[in-house]
Each structure stands twice: as structure tokens, then as C-alpha cells.
N, C-alpha and C. Protein backbone atom coordinates (compact mmCIF):
# COMPACT_ATOMS: atom_id res chain seq x y z
N UNK A 1 206.38 -41.17 122.82
CA UNK A 1 205.46 -42.13 122.24
C UNK A 1 205.83 -42.29 120.76
N UNK A 2 205.97 -43.54 120.28
CA UNK A 2 206.30 -43.78 118.87
C UNK A 2 205.16 -43.34 117.97
N UNK A 3 205.51 -42.87 116.80
CA UNK A 3 204.50 -42.44 115.84
C UNK A 3 204.57 -43.33 114.61
N UNK A 4 203.48 -43.36 113.87
CA UNK A 4 203.41 -44.06 112.61
C UNK A 4 203.51 -43.04 111.49
N UNK A 5 204.15 -43.40 110.39
CA UNK A 5 204.26 -42.50 109.25
C UNK A 5 203.13 -42.82 108.28
N UNK A 6 202.27 -41.87 108.04
CA UNK A 6 201.17 -42.07 107.09
C UNK A 6 201.74 -42.31 105.69
N UNK A 7 201.33 -43.37 105.00
CA UNK A 7 201.86 -43.64 103.67
C UNK A 7 201.36 -42.64 102.62
N UNK A 8 200.36 -41.88 102.92
CA UNK A 8 199.78 -40.94 101.95
C UNK A 8 200.35 -39.52 102.12
N UNK A 9 200.45 -39.02 103.35
CA UNK A 9 200.93 -37.65 103.55
C UNK A 9 202.25 -37.57 104.29
N UNK A 10 202.79 -38.71 104.75
CA UNK A 10 204.08 -38.80 105.44
C UNK A 10 204.11 -38.06 106.78
N UNK A 11 202.97 -37.71 107.33
CA UNK A 11 202.94 -37.07 108.65
C UNK A 11 203.03 -38.14 109.74
N UNK A 12 203.54 -37.77 110.87
CA UNK A 12 203.62 -38.68 112.00
C UNK A 12 202.28 -38.73 112.72
N UNK A 13 201.78 -39.90 112.98
CA UNK A 13 200.49 -40.10 113.65
C UNK A 13 200.76 -40.85 114.96
N UNK A 14 200.35 -40.27 116.08
CA UNK A 14 200.44 -40.97 117.35
C UNK A 14 199.40 -42.09 117.34
N UNK A 15 199.68 -43.15 118.05
CA UNK A 15 198.76 -44.30 118.03
C UNK A 15 197.36 -43.94 118.55
N UNK A 16 197.28 -43.01 119.48
CA UNK A 16 195.95 -42.64 119.98
C UNK A 16 195.20 -41.72 119.01
N UNK A 17 195.86 -41.19 117.99
CA UNK A 17 195.19 -40.37 116.97
C UNK A 17 194.67 -41.20 115.82
N UNK A 18 195.17 -42.42 115.67
CA UNK A 18 194.81 -43.29 114.56
C UNK A 18 193.34 -43.73 114.65
N UNK A 19 192.63 -43.65 113.57
CA UNK A 19 191.23 -44.08 113.51
C UNK A 19 191.19 -45.49 112.92
N UNK A 20 190.50 -46.40 113.58
CA UNK A 20 190.39 -47.78 113.11
C UNK A 20 188.93 -48.13 112.84
N UNK A 21 188.70 -48.96 111.85
CA UNK A 21 187.36 -49.43 111.53
C UNK A 21 187.44 -50.91 111.20
N UNK A 22 186.66 -51.72 111.91
CA UNK A 22 186.62 -53.17 111.68
C UNK A 22 185.25 -53.50 111.10
N UNK A 23 185.27 -54.26 109.99
CA UNK A 23 184.04 -54.65 109.32
C UNK A 23 184.04 -56.16 109.09
N UNK A 24 182.85 -56.77 109.14
CA UNK A 24 182.77 -58.20 108.87
C UNK A 24 182.97 -58.45 107.37
N UNK A 25 183.67 -59.52 107.06
CA UNK A 25 183.89 -59.96 105.68
C UNK A 25 183.60 -61.44 105.61
N UNK A 26 183.40 -61.99 104.44
CA UNK A 26 183.12 -63.42 104.33
C UNK A 26 184.20 -64.30 104.95
N UNK A 27 185.44 -63.84 104.95
CA UNK A 27 186.53 -64.67 105.50
C UNK A 27 186.85 -64.34 106.96
N UNK A 28 186.07 -63.48 107.60
CA UNK A 28 186.32 -63.10 108.98
C UNK A 28 186.10 -61.62 109.16
N UNK A 29 187.00 -60.94 109.82
CA UNK A 29 186.89 -59.50 110.01
C UNK A 29 188.08 -58.81 109.36
N UNK A 30 187.84 -57.63 108.83
CA UNK A 30 188.89 -56.84 108.25
C UNK A 30 188.95 -55.48 108.92
N UNK A 31 190.18 -55.02 109.20
CA UNK A 31 190.35 -53.74 109.86
C UNK A 31 191.16 -52.82 108.95
N UNK A 32 190.70 -51.60 108.78
CA UNK A 32 191.47 -50.61 108.08
C UNK A 32 191.64 -49.40 108.98
N UNK A 33 192.61 -48.59 108.67
CA UNK A 33 192.96 -47.46 109.51
C UNK A 33 192.92 -46.21 108.68
N UNK A 34 192.66 -45.07 109.33
CA UNK A 34 192.55 -43.80 108.63
C UNK A 34 193.41 -42.74 109.30
N UNK A 35 194.12 -42.00 108.47
CA UNK A 35 194.94 -40.89 108.97
C UNK A 35 194.00 -39.74 109.33
N UNK A 36 194.17 -39.14 110.52
CA UNK A 36 193.29 -38.04 110.91
C UNK A 36 193.62 -36.74 110.17
N UNK A 37 194.75 -36.67 109.50
CA UNK A 37 195.16 -35.45 108.82
C UNK A 37 194.69 -35.43 107.36
N UNK A 38 195.06 -36.46 106.59
CA UNK A 38 194.72 -36.48 105.15
C UNK A 38 193.52 -37.36 104.87
N UNK A 39 193.07 -38.10 105.88
CA UNK A 39 191.96 -39.05 105.76
C UNK A 39 192.23 -40.19 104.79
N UNK A 40 193.51 -40.45 104.54
CA UNK A 40 193.89 -41.58 103.70
C UNK A 40 193.73 -42.90 104.46
N UNK A 41 193.35 -43.94 103.76
CA UNK A 41 193.14 -45.26 104.36
C UNK A 41 194.34 -46.15 104.09
N UNK A 42 194.65 -47.02 105.05
CA UNK A 42 195.67 -48.03 104.89
C UNK A 42 195.29 -49.23 105.75
N UNK A 43 195.87 -50.37 105.48
CA UNK A 43 195.46 -51.60 106.15
C UNK A 43 196.50 -52.15 107.15
N UNK A 44 197.76 -52.06 106.83
CA UNK A 44 198.76 -52.70 107.68
C UNK A 44 199.55 -51.67 108.48
N UNK A 45 199.30 -51.59 109.76
CA UNK A 45 199.99 -50.63 110.63
C UNK A 45 201.43 -51.08 110.90
N UNK A 46 201.67 -52.36 110.95
CA UNK A 46 203.00 -52.88 111.26
C UNK A 46 204.03 -52.39 110.25
N UNK A 47 203.68 -52.20 109.00
CA UNK A 47 204.59 -51.73 108.00
C UNK A 47 205.00 -50.27 108.21
N UNK A 48 204.19 -49.52 108.96
CA UNK A 48 204.43 -48.10 109.12
C UNK A 48 205.30 -47.75 110.33
N UNK A 49 205.61 -48.75 111.14
CA UNK A 49 206.43 -48.48 112.34
C UNK A 49 207.87 -48.26 111.99
């Protein structure tokens, strides 16, 4: 299974370990993701592949 590299701690995160949060915004919806290890937040998962 491919892993994502966390931009904060550089650990490999499996896709099923990734935490996602979607919130309403004035321009639509915004989703951010959280590393389960360092709890760092990031927005674009595609850049981490």
C-alpha cells in the first residue's frame, strides 16, 4: 500500500491512517488532513504522494 510522507515529521502514513476533516467555508467546503503521529495539519495530499 502506498504511503504519504508527512511534511512535518517525514514519517510514512498509510492512507487508512490519515485523519481528514471537512468544514464549510464561504466559498464551499475545505478539507484538511492530520498526521496521526505528529498531529501536524496539511491541506494537499496529492503533493505528498
